[in-house]
Amino acid sequence: MEKQRLLSFKEVKKEYGATISFWRTRIWSRDIPYVRVGNKILIDRKDIDDFIQKNKKTA
């Protein structure tokens, strides 16, 4: 079964960790794009994965 592509803040928190305010801040600072559907803000799973890849650091 394919995973849901667009996630709410609660779903992002559950699947990826960090707080809802962390993910909101990433959107407000334009680090992650979002999709607005009515009053809902949804985040594309691919954009979260891209954000994580871009911010990985090696020791």
PDB file of N, CA and C in Angstrom:
ATOM      1  N   MET A   1       0.845  -1.199   0.000  1.00  0.00           N
ATOM      2  CA  MET A   1       0.000   0.000   0.000  1.00  0.00           C
ATOM      3  C   MET A   1       0.884   1.254   0.000  1.00  0.00           C
ATOM      4  N   GLU A   2       0.517   2.210  -0.811  1.00  0.00           N
ATOM      5  CA  GLU A   2       1.285   3.446  -0.939  1.00  0.00           C
ATOM      6  C   GLU A   2       0.991   4.387   0.226  1.00  0.00           C
ATOM      7  N   LYS A   3       2.032   5.081   0.682  1.00  0.00           N
ATOM      8  CA  LYS A   3       1.861   6.031   1.781  1.00  0.00           C
ATOM      9  C   LYS A   3       1.168   7.291   1.293  1.00  0.00           C
ATOM     10  N   GLN A   4       0.450   7.919   2.205  1.00  0.00           N
ATOM     11  CA  GLN A   4      -0.219   9.196   1.921  1.00  0.00           C
ATOM     12  C   GLN A   4       0.848  10.237   1.599  1.00  0.00           C
ATOM     13  N   ARG A   5       0.654  11.005   0.534  1.00  0.00           N
ATOM     14  CA  ARG A   5       1.675  11.959   0.102  1.00  0.00           C
ATOM     15  C   ARG A   5       1.646  13.263   0.897  1.00  0.00           C
ATOM     16  N   LEU A   6       0.458  13.841   1.101  1.00  0.00           N
ATOM     17  CA  LEU A   6       0.345  15.104   1.824  1.00  0.00           C
ATOM     18  C   LEU A   6      -0.018  14.833   3.274  1.00  0.00           C
ATOM     19  N   LEU A   7       0.713  15.471   4.178  1.00  0.00           N
ATOM     20  CA  LEU A   7       0.549  15.221   5.605  1.00  0.00           C
ATOM     21  C   LEU A   7       0.199  16.501   6.350  1.00  0.00           C
ATOM     22  N   SER A   8      -0.636  16.354   7.376  1.00  0.00           N
ATOM     23  CA  SER A   8      -0.930  17.478   8.274  1.00  0.00           C
ATOM     24  C   SER A   8       0.232  17.619   9.255  1.00  0.00           C
ATOM     25  N   PHE A   9       0.228  18.695  10.032  1.00  0.00           N
ATOM     26  CA  PHE A   9       1.278  18.883  11.041  1.00  0.00           C
ATOM     27  C   PHE A   9       1.304  17.728  12.030  1.00  0.00           C
ATOM     28  N   LYS A  10       0.138  17.274  12.468  1.00  0.00           N
ATOM     29  CA  LYS A  10       0.079  16.160  13.426  1.00  0.00           C
ATOM     30  C   LYS A  10       0.666  14.889  12.834  1.00  0.00           C
ATOM     31  N   GLU A  11       0.374  14.636  11.566  1.00  0.00           N
ATOM     32  CA  GLU A  11       0.902  13.444  10.911  1.00  0.00           C
ATOM     33  C   GLU A  11       2.416  13.541  10.721  1.00  0.00           C
ATOM     34  N   VAL A  12       2.898  14.732  10.388  1.00  0.00           N
ATOM     35  CA  VAL A  12       4.346  14.942  10.231  1.00  0.00           C
ATOM     36  C   VAL A  12       5.035  14.701  11.573  1.00  0.00           C
ATOM     37  N   LYS A  13       4.464  15.244  12.635  1.00  0.00           N
ATOM     38  CA  LYS A  13       5.040  15.058  13.971  1.00  0.00           C
ATOM     39  C   LYS A  13       5.102  13.581  14.327  1.00  0.00           C
ATOM     40  N   LYS A  14       4.039  12.861  14.051  1.00  0.00           N
ATOM     41  CA  LYS A  14       3.967  11.440  14.390  1.00  0.00           C
ATOM     42  C   LYS A  14       4.983  10.615  13.587  1.00  0.00           C
ATOM     43  N   GLU A  15       5.109  10.895  12.298  1.00  0.00           N
ATOM     44  CA  GLU A  15       5.979  10.094  11.439  1.00  0.00           C
ATOM     45  C   GLU A  15       7.445  10.501  11.472  1.00  0.00           C
ATOM     46  N   TYR A  16       7.709  11.801  11.614  1.00  0.00           N
ATOM     47  CA  TYR A  16       9.081  12.286  11.515  1.00  0.00           C
ATOM     48  C   TYR A  16       9.648  12.794  12.829  1.00  0.00           C
ATOM     49  N   GLY A  17       8.804  13.009  13.818  1.00  0.00           N
ATOM     50  CA  GLY A  17       9.288  13.536  15.080  1.00  0.00           C
ATOM     51  C   GLY A  17       9.353  15.053  15.046  1.00  0.00           C
ATOM     52  N   ALA A  18      10.011  15.623  16.033  1.00  0.00           N
ATOM     53  CA  ALA A  18      10.091  17.073  16.246  1.00  0.00           C
ATOM     54  C   ALA A  18       8.695  17.600  16.595  1.00  0.00           C
ATOM     55  N   THR A  19       8.624  18.836  16.960  1.00  0.00           N
ATOM     56  CA  THR A  19       7.360  19.426  17.412  1.00  0.00           C
ATOM     57  C   THR A  19       6.616  20.059  16.243  1.00  0.00           C
ATOM     58  N   ILE A  20       5.345  20.306  16.458  1.00  0.00           N
ATOM     59  CA  ILE A  20       4.552  21.001  15.438  1.00  0.00           C
ATOM     60  C   ILE A  20       5.122  22.395  15.196  1.00  0.00           C
ATOM     61  N   SER A  21       5.548  23.071  16.252  1.00  0.00           N
ATOM     62  CA  SER A  21       6.103  24.417  16.070  1.00  0.00           C
ATOM     63  C   SER A  21       7.401  24.386  15.250  1.00  0.00           C
ATOM     64  N   PHE A  22       8.179  23.322  15.372  1.00  0.00           N
ATOM     65  CA  PHE A  22       9.386  23.180  14.547  1.00  0.00           C
ATOM     66  C   PHE A  22       9.012  23.168  13.063  1.00  0.00           C
ATOM     67  N   TRP A  23       8.003  22.338  12.716  1.00  0.00           N
ATOM     68  CA  TRP A  23       7.602  22.230  11.308  1.00  0.00           C
ATOM     69  C   TRP A  23       6.952  23.513  10.814  1.00  0.00           C
ATOM     70  N   ARG A  24       6.175  24.176  11.659  1.00  0.00           N
ATOM     71  CA  ARG A  24       5.591  25.473  11.262  1.00  0.00           C
ATOM     72  C   ARG A  24       6.679  26.494  10.984  1.00  0.00           C
ATOM     73  N   THR A  25       7.684  26.512  11.844  1.00  0.00           N
ATOM     74  CA  THR A  25       8.799  27.446  11.661  1.00  0.00           C
ATOM     75  C   THR A  25       9.524  27.168  10.348  1.00  0.00           C
ATOM     76  N   ARG A  26       9.676  25.902   9.997  1.00  0.00           N
ATOM     77  CA  ARG A  26      10.328  25.551   8.723  1.00  0.00           C
ATOM     78  C   ARG A  26       9.531  26.104   7.544  1.00  0.00           C
ATOM     79  N   ILE A  27       8.219  26.097   7.648  1.00  0.00           N
ATOM     80  CA  ILE A  27       7.374  26.641   6.581  1.00  0.00           C
ATOM     81  C   ILE A  27       7.483  28.160   6.560  1.00  0.00           C
ATOM     82  N   TRP A  28       7.354  28.811   7.729  1.00  0.00           N
ATOM     83  CA  TRP A  28       7.413  30.273   7.792  1.00  0.00           C
ATOM     84  C   TRP A  28       8.754  30.798   7.300  1.00  0.00           C
ATOM     85  N   SER A  29       9.833  30.055   7.549  1.00  0.00           N
ATOM     86  CA  SER A  29      11.154  30.503   7.099  1.00  0.00           C
ATOM     87  C   SER A  29      11.447  30.056   5.662  1.00  0.00           C
ATOM     88  N   ARG A  30      10.441  29.431   5.026  1.00  0.00           N
ATOM     89  CA  ARG A  30      10.514  28.992   3.629  1.00  0.00           C
ATOM     90  C   ARG A  30      11.548  27.893   3.395  1.00  0.00           C
ATOM     91  N   ASP A  31      11.819  27.103   4.414  1.00  0.00           N
ATOM     92  CA  ASP A  31      12.698  25.947   4.260  1.00  0.00           C
ATOM     93  C   ASP A  31      11.960  24.780   3.618  1.00  0.00           C
ATOM     94  N   ILE A  32      10.647  24.721   3.836  1.00  0.00           N
ATOM     95  CA  ILE A  32       9.816  23.643   3.293  1.00  0.00           C
ATOM     96  C   ILE A  32       8.576  24.273   2.647  1.00  0.00           C
ATOM     97  N   PRO A  33       8.290  23.930   1.396  1.00  0.00           N
ATOM     98  CA  PRO A  33       7.053  24.427   0.782  1.00  0.00           C
ATOM     99  C   PRO A  33       5.834  23.715   1.373  1.00  0.00           C
ATOM    100  N   TYR A  34       4.663  24.268   1.156  1.00  0.00           N
ATOM    101  CA  TYR A  34       3.441  23.663   1.673  1.00  0.00           C
ATOM    102  C   TYR A  34       2.311  23.810   0.665  1.00  0.00           C
ATOM    103  N   VAL A  35       1.238  23.070   0.919  1.00  0.00           N
ATOM    104  CA  VAL A  35       0.042  23.125   0.086  1.00  0.00           C
ATOM    105  C   VAL A  35      -1.100  23.565   0.998  1.00  0.00           C
ATOM    106  N   ARG A  36      -1.841  24.572   0.584  1.00  0.00           N
ATOM    107  CA  ARG A  36      -2.994  25.014   1.365  1.00  0.00           C
ATOM    108  C   ARG A  36      -4.254  24.498   0.679  1.00  0.00           C
ATOM    109  N   VAL A  37      -5.054  23.763   1.449  1.00  0.00           N
ATOM    110  CA  VAL A  37      -6.336  23.254   0.973  1.00  0.00           C
ATOM    111  C   VAL A  37      -7.388  23.791   1.934  1.00  0.00           C
ATOM    112  N   GLY A  38      -8.101  24.820   1.502  1.00  0.00           N
ATOM    113  CA  GLY A  38      -9.028  25.493   2.408  1.00  0.00           C
ATOM    114  C   GLY A  38      -8.239  26.122   3.549  1.00  0.00           C
ATOM    115  N   ASN A  39      -8.572  25.754   4.783  1.00  0.00           N
ATOM    116  CA  ASN A  39      -7.849  26.273   5.942  1.00  0.00           C
ATOM    117  C   ASN A  39      -6.694  25.379   6.368  1.00  0.00           C
ATOM    118  N   LYS A  40      -6.561  24.220   5.748  1.00  0.00           N
ATOM    119  CA  LYS A  40      -5.528  23.263   6.138  1.00  0.00           C
ATOM    120  C   LYS A  40      -4.214  23.552   5.423  1.00  0.00           C
ATOM    121  N   ILE A  41      -3.131  23.381   6.154  1.00  0.00           N
ATOM    122  CA  ILE A  41      -1.795  23.439   5.574  1.00  0.00           C
ATOM    123  C   ILE A  41      -1.267  22.021   5.576  1.00  0.00           C
ATOM    124  N   LEU A  42      -0.866  21.546   4.398  1.00  0.00           N
ATOM    125  CA  LEU A  42      -0.351  20.200   4.255  1.00  0.00           C
ATOM    126  C   LEU A  42       1.070  20.250   3.710  1.00  0.00           C
ATOM    127  N   ILE A  43       1.864  19.272   4.112  1.00  0.00           N
ATOM    128  CA  ILE A  43       3.262  19.215   3.702  1.00  0.00           C
ATOM    129  C   ILE A  43       3.482  17.941   2.904  1.00  0.00           C
ATOM    130  N   ASP A  44       4.133  18.090   1.782  1.00  0.00           N
ATOM    131  CA  ASP A  44       4.432  16.953   0.915  1.00  0.00           C
ATOM    132  C   ASP A  44       5.563  16.128   1.536  1.00  0.00           C
ATOM    133  N   ARG A  45       5.346  14.838   1.639  1.00  0.00           N
ATOM    134  CA  ARG A  45       6.340  13.924   2.206  1.00  0.00           C
ATOM    135  C   ARG A  45       7.697  14.072   1.493  1.00  0.00           C
ATOM    136  N   LYS A  46       7.677  14.252   0.181  1.00  0.00           N
ATOM    137  CA  LYS A  46       8.920  14.405  -0.592  1.00  0.00           C
ATOM    138  C   LYS A  46       9.690  15.649  -0.154  1.00  0.00           C
ATOM    139  N   ASP A  47       8.978  16.740   0.123  1.00  0.00           N
ATOM    140  CA  ASP A  47       9.648  17.964   0.563  1.00  0.00           C
ATOM    141  C   ASP A  47      10.296  17.791   1.930  1.00  0.00           C
ATOM    142  N   ILE A  48       9.657  17.022   2.803  1.00  0.00           N
ATOM    143  CA  ILE A  48      10.256  16.750   4.119  1.00  0.00           C
ATOM    144  C   ILE A  48      11.517  15.912   3.944  1.00  0.00           C
ATOM    145  N   ASP A  49      11.435  14.878   3.115  1.00  0.00           N
ATOM    146  CA  ASP A  49      12.606  14.033   2.865  1.00  0.00           C
ATOM    147  C   ASP A  49      13.742  14.839   2.245  1.00  0.00           C
ATOM    148  N   ASP A  50      13.423  15.735   1.309  1.00  0.00           N
ATOM    149  CA  ASP A  50      14.445  16.603   0.704  1.00  0.00           C
ATOM    150  C   ASP A  50      15.075  17.513   1.753  1.00  0.00           C
ATOM    151  N   PHE A  51      14.252  18.081   2.638  1.00  0.00           N
ATOM    152  CA  PHE A  51      14.758  18.942   3.709  1.00  0.00           C
ATOM    153  C   PHE A  51      15.727  18.174   4.604  1.00  0.00           C
ATOM    154  N   ILE A  52      15.363  16.958   4.956  1.00  0.00           N
ATOM    155  CA  ILE A  52      16.229  16.141   5.815  1.00  0.00           C
ATOM    156  C   ILE A  52      17.555  15.859   5.105  1.00  0.00           C
ATOM    157  N   GLN A  53      17.489  15.485   3.836  1.00  0.00           N
ATOM    158  CA  GLN A  53      18.727  15.211   3.081  1.00  0.00           C
ATOM    159  C   GLN A  53      19.635  16.432   3.016  1.00  0.00           C
ATOM    160  N   LYS A  54      19.057  17.597   2.756  1.00  0.00           N
ATOM    161  CA  LYS A  54      19.848  18.834   2.628  1.00  0.00           C
ATOM    162  C   LYS A  54      20.503  19.219   3.954  1.00  0.00           C
ATOM    163  N   ASN A  55      19.909  18.825   5.061  1.00  0.00           N
ATOM    164  CA  ASN A  55      20.403  19.248   6.361  1.00  0.00           C
ATOM    165  C   ASN A  55      21.177  18.180   7.107  1.00  0.00           C
ATOM    166  N   LYS A  56      21.462  17.069   6.459  1.00  0.00           N
ATOM    167  CA  LYS A  56      22.285  16.026   7.091  1.00  0.00           C
ATOM    168  C   LYS A  56      23.708  16.516   7.208  1.00  0.00           C
ATOM    169  N   LYS A  57      24.317  16.228   8.329  1.00  0.00           N
ATOM    170  CA  LYS A  57      25.704  16.598   8.580  1.00  0.00           C
ATOM    171  C   LYS A  57      26.496  15.329   8.916  1.00  0.00           C
ATOM    172  N   THR A  58      27.717  15.277   8.472  1.00  0.00           N
ATOM    173  CA  THR A  58      28.574  14.153   8.832  1.00  0.00           C
ATOM    174  C   THR A  58      29.468  14.558   9.995  1.00  0.00           C
ATOM    175  N   ALA A  59      29.874  13.597  10.769  1.00  0.00           N
ATOM    176  CA  ALA A  59      30.698  13.878  11.957  1.00  0.00           C
ATOM    177  C   ALA A  59      32.117  14.192  11.574  1.00  0.00           C
TER     178      ALA A  59
END
